[in-house]
């Protein structure tokens, strides 16, 4: 069997002495589209950042594609939240996507023919090739998300971690991105993303971690998002939509 895309054991993270994650266990399978869901302040984004070594870890073991996280940087690509990006920085769409090749290009960041080909393929895949020379501050929210997904694809990593990739985009663009993520999954990539819309998770995703500082449930979507687990995570059934409450396009 393939190693899990992301495996977390006993993960604890604290900010200023206050736990953001506490003794979290979670496994995300290879070749699956997985969601991390839970109420605000549950530690969803912190979990991704801990896996990437972007925040200090109090305790726990993390592996990515069977390799300890500290040595797995070439196996994983990351799409941060929109507010983590300086959209006023003078850089073109192509230059952003080229950043996905830096890990393989070395310290001098001299891109070879294979690197340029990977960038071209990523731009085509996310539909941003016609905008390659455009500055990122000229793009719409959905286009910006496509660019950063393109950067992740250019890295050619087997595991993609995305932090709230659908924030600030319209429903049509969200569906287009979901279709692309499903296609990537069907090609063998593993995608793990933070999301808030449980209806979308039920309609599109294979696997879910329901998180509220601790692990509430983790497994196939129907099991992880059962009513009892949702009550434990959100505190009240009204805090999370029930099956059938999602928008019609997501059913």
Protein backbone atom coordinates (compact mmCIF):
# COMPACT_ATOMS: atom_id res chain seq x y z
CA UNK A 1 0.00 0.00 0.00
CA UNK A 2 1.11 3.58 -0.65
CA UNK A 3 2.30 5.61 2.30
CA UNK A 4 -0.21 8.24 3.46
CA UNK A 5 0.12 11.60 1.76
CA UNK A 6 0.24 13.22 5.20
CA UNK A 7 0.40 11.44 8.54
CA UNK A 8 0.26 13.31 11.86
CA UNK A 9 0.77 11.74 15.28
CA UNK A 10 0.44 13.54 18.61
CA UNK A 11 0.82 17.01 17.12
CA UNK A 12 0.71 19.92 19.57
CA UNK A 13 1.33 23.58 18.70
CA UNK A 14 1.03 26.55 21.03
CA UNK A 15 1.04 30.30 20.51
CA UNK A 16 2.07 32.34 23.54
CA UNK A 17 1.49 29.37 25.79
CA UNK A 18 -2.04 28.83 24.47
CA UNK A 19 -2.64 25.56 22.57
CA UNK A 20 -3.60 25.96 18.92
CA UNK A 21 -3.45 22.19 18.36
CA UNK A 22 -3.41 19.55 21.05
CA UNK A 23 -2.37 15.92 20.58
CA UNK A 24 -3.78 15.76 17.05
CA UNK A 25 -3.77 12.47 15.18
CA UNK A 26 -4.76 12.48 11.50
CA UNK A 27 -3.99 10.51 8.36
CA UNK A 28 -4.67 11.71 4.82
CA UNK A 29 -4.48 8.96 2.18
CA UNK A 30 -2.50 9.07 -1.03
CA UNK A 31 -4.43 9.79 -4.22
CA UNK A 32 -7.34 11.46 -2.42
CA UNK A 33 -8.96 14.88 -2.22
CA UNK A 34 -9.06 15.65 1.50
CA UNK A 35 -10.46 18.56 3.49
CA UNK A 36 -9.63 19.99 6.90
CA UNK A 37 -12.78 21.50 8.39
CA UNK A 38 -13.86 22.92 11.73
CA UNK A 39 -14.94 26.13 13.45
CA UNK A 40 -12.95 29.35 13.42
CA UNK A 41 -9.88 29.06 15.62
CA UNK A 42 -9.82 25.27 15.35
CA UNK A 43 -6.18 25.22 14.17
CA UNK A 44 -6.81 24.24 10.55
CA UNK A 45 -4.25 26.55 8.96
CA UNK A 46 -1.84 25.92 11.82
CA UNK A 47 -1.89 22.21 11.02
CA UNK A 48 -0.75 22.83 7.44
CA UNK A 49 1.92 25.28 8.58
CA UNK A 50 3.20 22.78 11.17
CA UNK A 51 3.47 20.12 8.47
CA UNK A 52 5.57 22.51 6.40
CA UNK A 53 7.80 23.62 9.27
CA UNK A 54 6.42 27.18 9.17
CA UNK A 55 5.48 27.23 12.85
CA UNK A 56 7.29 25.64 15.82
CA UNK A 57 5.92 22.32 17.05
CA UNK A 58 5.65 21.49 20.74
CA UNK A 59 5.33 17.74 20.15
CA UNK A 60 4.42 15.24 17.49
CA UNK A 61 5.60 13.37 14.43
CA UNK A 62 4.70 14.34 10.85
CA UNK A 63 5.47 12.41 7.69
CA UNK A 64 4.75 13.40 4.09
CA UNK A 65 4.54 10.56 1.57
CA UNK A 66 6.30 8.35 4.11
CA UNK A 67 9.21 10.73 4.72
CA UNK A 68 9.73 12.82 7.89
CA UNK A 69 8.37 16.28 7.11
CA UNK A 70 11.73 18.01 7.53
CA UNK A 71 13.17 16.04 4.62
CA UNK A 72 10.12 16.01 2.37
CA UNK A 73 10.20 19.49 0.86
CA UNK A 74 10.50 18.20 -2.70
CA UNK A 75 7.43 16.00 -2.20
CA UNK A 76 5.02 18.73 -1.12
CA UNK A 77 3.82 22.05 -2.58
CA UNK A 78 1.89 24.72 -0.71
CA UNK A 79 -0.71 27.33 -1.67
CA UNK A 80 -1.02 29.89 1.17
CA UNK A 81 -4.01 31.98 2.14
CA UNK A 82 -4.62 35.04 0.00
CA UNK A 83 -3.87 37.45 2.85
CA UNK A 84 -0.41 35.91 3.23
CA UNK A 85 0.63 37.24 -0.20
CA UNK A 86 1.83 40.76 -1.02
CA UNK A 87 -0.29 41.40 -4.09
CA UNK A 88 1.37 44.78 -4.69
CA UNK A 89 4.79 43.22 -5.21
CA UNK A 90 5.88 43.87 -8.82
CA UNK A 91 6.00 40.38 -10.30
CA UNK A 92 4.41 38.74 -13.31
CA UNK A 93 2.26 35.65 -13.48
CA UNK A 94 5.05 33.67 -15.12
CA UNK A 95 7.59 34.76 -12.51
CA UNK A 96 5.29 33.54 -9.74
CA UNK A 97 4.88 30.14 -11.38
CA UNK A 98 8.64 29.94 -11.97
CA UNK A 99 9.09 30.07 -8.20
CA UNK A 100 7.76 26.52 -8.14
CA UNK A 101 10.94 25.43 -9.91
CA UNK A 102 13.35 27.09 -7.46
CA UNK A 103 13.73 24.00 -5.22
CA UNK A 104 15.16 22.06 -8.17
CA UNK A 105 17.04 24.99 -9.73
CA UNK A 106 19.56 25.43 -6.90
CA UNK A 107 20.85 28.56 -5.19
CA UNK A 108 21.44 30.46 -8.44
CA UNK A 109 17.87 29.80 -9.59
CA UNK A 110 18.96 29.30 -13.17
CA UNK A 111 16.07 27.62 -14.93
CA UNK A 112 16.87 24.97 -17.50
CA UNK A 113 14.83 23.89 -20.50
CA UNK A 114 13.01 21.29 -18.38
CA UNK A 115 12.10 23.98 -15.84
CA UNK A 116 10.69 26.28 -18.51
CA UNK A 117 8.70 23.38 -19.94
CA UNK A 118 7.25 22.61 -16.49
CA UNK A 119 6.26 26.27 -16.06
CA UNK A 120 4.62 26.32 -19.50
CA UNK A 121 2.67 23.15 -18.68
CA UNK A 122 1.52 24.51 -15.32
CA UNK A 123 0.34 27.79 -16.86
CA UNK A 124 -1.64 25.88 -19.47
CA UNK A 125 -3.11 23.54 -16.87
CA UNK A 126 -4.52 26.35 -14.75
CA UNK A 127 -5.64 28.41 -17.75
CA UNK A 128 -3.25 31.30 -17.12
CA UNK A 129 -0.93 31.02 -20.15
CA UNK A 130 -2.56 34.04 -21.87
CA UNK A 131 -1.83 36.12 -18.75
CA UNK A 132 1.81 35.06 -18.31
CA UNK A 133 3.24 38.56 -18.71
CA UNK A 134 0.61 40.30 -16.62
CA UNK A 135 1.36 41.70 -13.16
CA UNK A 136 -0.36 39.79 -10.37
CA UNK A 137 -1.93 42.96 -8.96
CA UNK A 138 -3.95 43.22 -12.18
CA UNK A 139 -5.67 39.86 -11.69
CA UNK A 140 -9.04 38.92 -10.24
CA UNK A 141 -9.27 36.80 -7.09
CA UNK A 142 -9.93 33.62 -9.03
CA UNK A 143 -7.05 34.29 -11.41
CA UNK A 144 -4.70 34.84 -8.49
CA UNK A 145 -5.68 31.50 -7.00
CA UNK A 146 -5.02 29.83 -10.35
CA UNK A 147 -1.56 31.40 -10.49
CA UNK A 148 -0.56 30.07 -7.08
CA UNK A 149 -1.98 26.67 -7.90
CA UNK A 150 0.13 26.86 -11.06
CA UNK A 151 3.20 27.55 -8.94
CA UNK A 152 2.42 24.42 -6.90
CA UNK A 153 1.93 22.34 -10.05
CA UNK A 154 5.22 23.57 -11.51
CA UNK A 155 6.96 22.09 -8.50
CA UNK A 156 5.70 18.66 -9.67
CA UNK A 157 5.18 17.50 -6.09
CA UNK A 158 2.97 14.53 -5.31
CA UNK A 159 1.28 16.21 -2.33
CA UNK A 160 -0.47 19.59 -2.54
CA UNK A 161 -1.45 21.53 0.60
CA UNK A 162 -3.85 24.44 0.07
CA UNK A 163 -5.01 26.89 2.72
CA UNK A 164 -8.54 28.18 2.02
CA UNK A 165 -8.07 28.34 -1.77
CA UNK A 166 -11.71 29.30 -2.48
CA UNK A 167 -11.86 32.43 -0.34
CA UNK A 168 -12.91 35.51 -2.30
CA UNK A 169 -13.80 33.78 -5.56
CA UNK A 170 -17.18 33.31 -7.23
CA UNK A 171 -19.07 30.02 -7.37
CA UNK A 172 -18.28 29.38 -11.04
CA UNK A 173 -14.54 29.76 -10.47
CA UNK A 174 -14.75 27.55 -7.39
CA UNK A 175 -16.34 24.76 -9.42
CA UNK A 176 -13.66 25.11 -12.11
CA UNK A 177 -10.91 24.83 -9.50
CA UNK A 178 -12.61 21.86 -7.85
CA UNK A 179 -12.80 20.11 -11.21
CA UNK A 180 -9.09 20.72 -11.72
CA UNK A 181 -8.27 19.40 -8.24
CA UNK A 182 -10.35 16.28 -8.92
CA UNK A 183 -8.47 15.74 -12.18
CA UNK A 184 -5.15 16.04 -10.34
CA UNK A 185 -6.36 13.51 -7.79
CA UNK A 186 -7.39 11.12 -10.54
CA UNK A 187 -3.85 11.42 -11.94
CA UNK A 188 -2.44 10.27 -8.60
CA UNK A 189 -1.79 13.51 -6.70
CA UNK A 190 -2.90 13.90 -3.11
CA UNK A 191 -4.59 17.18 -2.23
CA UNK A 192 -5.23 18.35 1.32
CA UNK A 193 -6.95 21.69 1.77
CA UNK A 194 -8.55 23.85 4.44
CA UNK A 195 -12.16 24.69 3.66
CA UNK A 196 -15.24 26.03 5.43
CA UNK A 197 -18.18 24.92 3.28
CA UNK A 198 -19.28 21.50 4.48
CA UNK A 199 -21.72 21.15 1.58
CA UNK A 200 -18.85 21.43 -0.89
CA UNK A 201 -16.84 18.90 1.10
CA UNK A 202 -19.72 16.41 1.04
CA UNK A 203 -20.24 16.88 -2.69
CA UNK A 204 -16.65 16.75 -3.92
CA UNK A 205 -14.23 15.33 -1.37
CA UNK A 206 -13.13 11.82 -0.47
CA UNK A 207 -11.76 12.32 3.04
CA UNK A 208 -12.06 14.83 5.86
CA UNK A 209 -10.45 15.80 9.14
CA UNK A 210 -12.93 17.45 11.50
CA UNK A 211 -10.81 19.53 13.83
CA UNK A 212 -11.37 21.71 16.88
CA UNK A 213 -7.89 22.05 18.43
CA UNK A 214 -8.08 18.27 18.89
CA UNK A 215 -9.10 15.65 16.35
CA UNK A 216 -12.87 15.23 16.42
CA UNK A 217 -13.12 12.77 13.51
CA UNK A 218 -10.98 11.71 10.57
CA UNK A 219 -11.97 9.41 7.74
CA UNK A 220 -14.20 9.13 4.69
CA UNK A 221 -16.38 12.23 4.41
CA UNK A 222 -19.66 10.54 5.30
CA UNK A 223 -18.14 9.14 8.50
CA UNK A 224 -16.13 12.19 9.56
CA UNK A 225 -19.02 14.61 9.03
CA UNK A 226 -21.78 12.66 10.72
CA UNK A 227 -24.20 14.70 12.89
CA UNK A 228 -22.74 13.58 16.21
CA UNK A 229 -19.21 14.53 15.18
CA UNK A 230 -20.39 17.91 13.89
CA UNK A 231 -22.11 18.63 17.20
CA UNK A 232 -18.89 17.83 19.05
CA UNK A 233 -16.88 20.10 16.78
CA UNK A 234 -19.23 23.06 16.42
CA UNK A 235 -21.11 22.83 19.68
CA UNK A 236 -24.56 22.97 18.08
CA UNK A 237 -26.18 21.32 15.10
CA UNK A 238 -27.17 24.75 13.79
CA UNK A 239 -23.52 25.79 13.51
CA UNK A 240 -22.86 23.51 10.55
CA UNK A 241 -25.08 22.80 7.52
CA UNK A 242 -26.73 19.40 7.35
CA UNK A 243 -26.84 17.25 4.19
CA UNK A 244 -29.13 18.92 1.66
CA UNK A 245 -28.45 22.43 2.93
CA UNK A 246 -25.61 23.01 0.49
CA UNK A 247 -26.20 25.12 -2.64
CA UNK A 248 -27.78 23.27 -5.55
CA UNK A 249 -24.63 23.39 -7.70
CA UNK A 250 -22.70 21.50 -5.02
CA UNK A 251 -25.12 18.60 -4.59
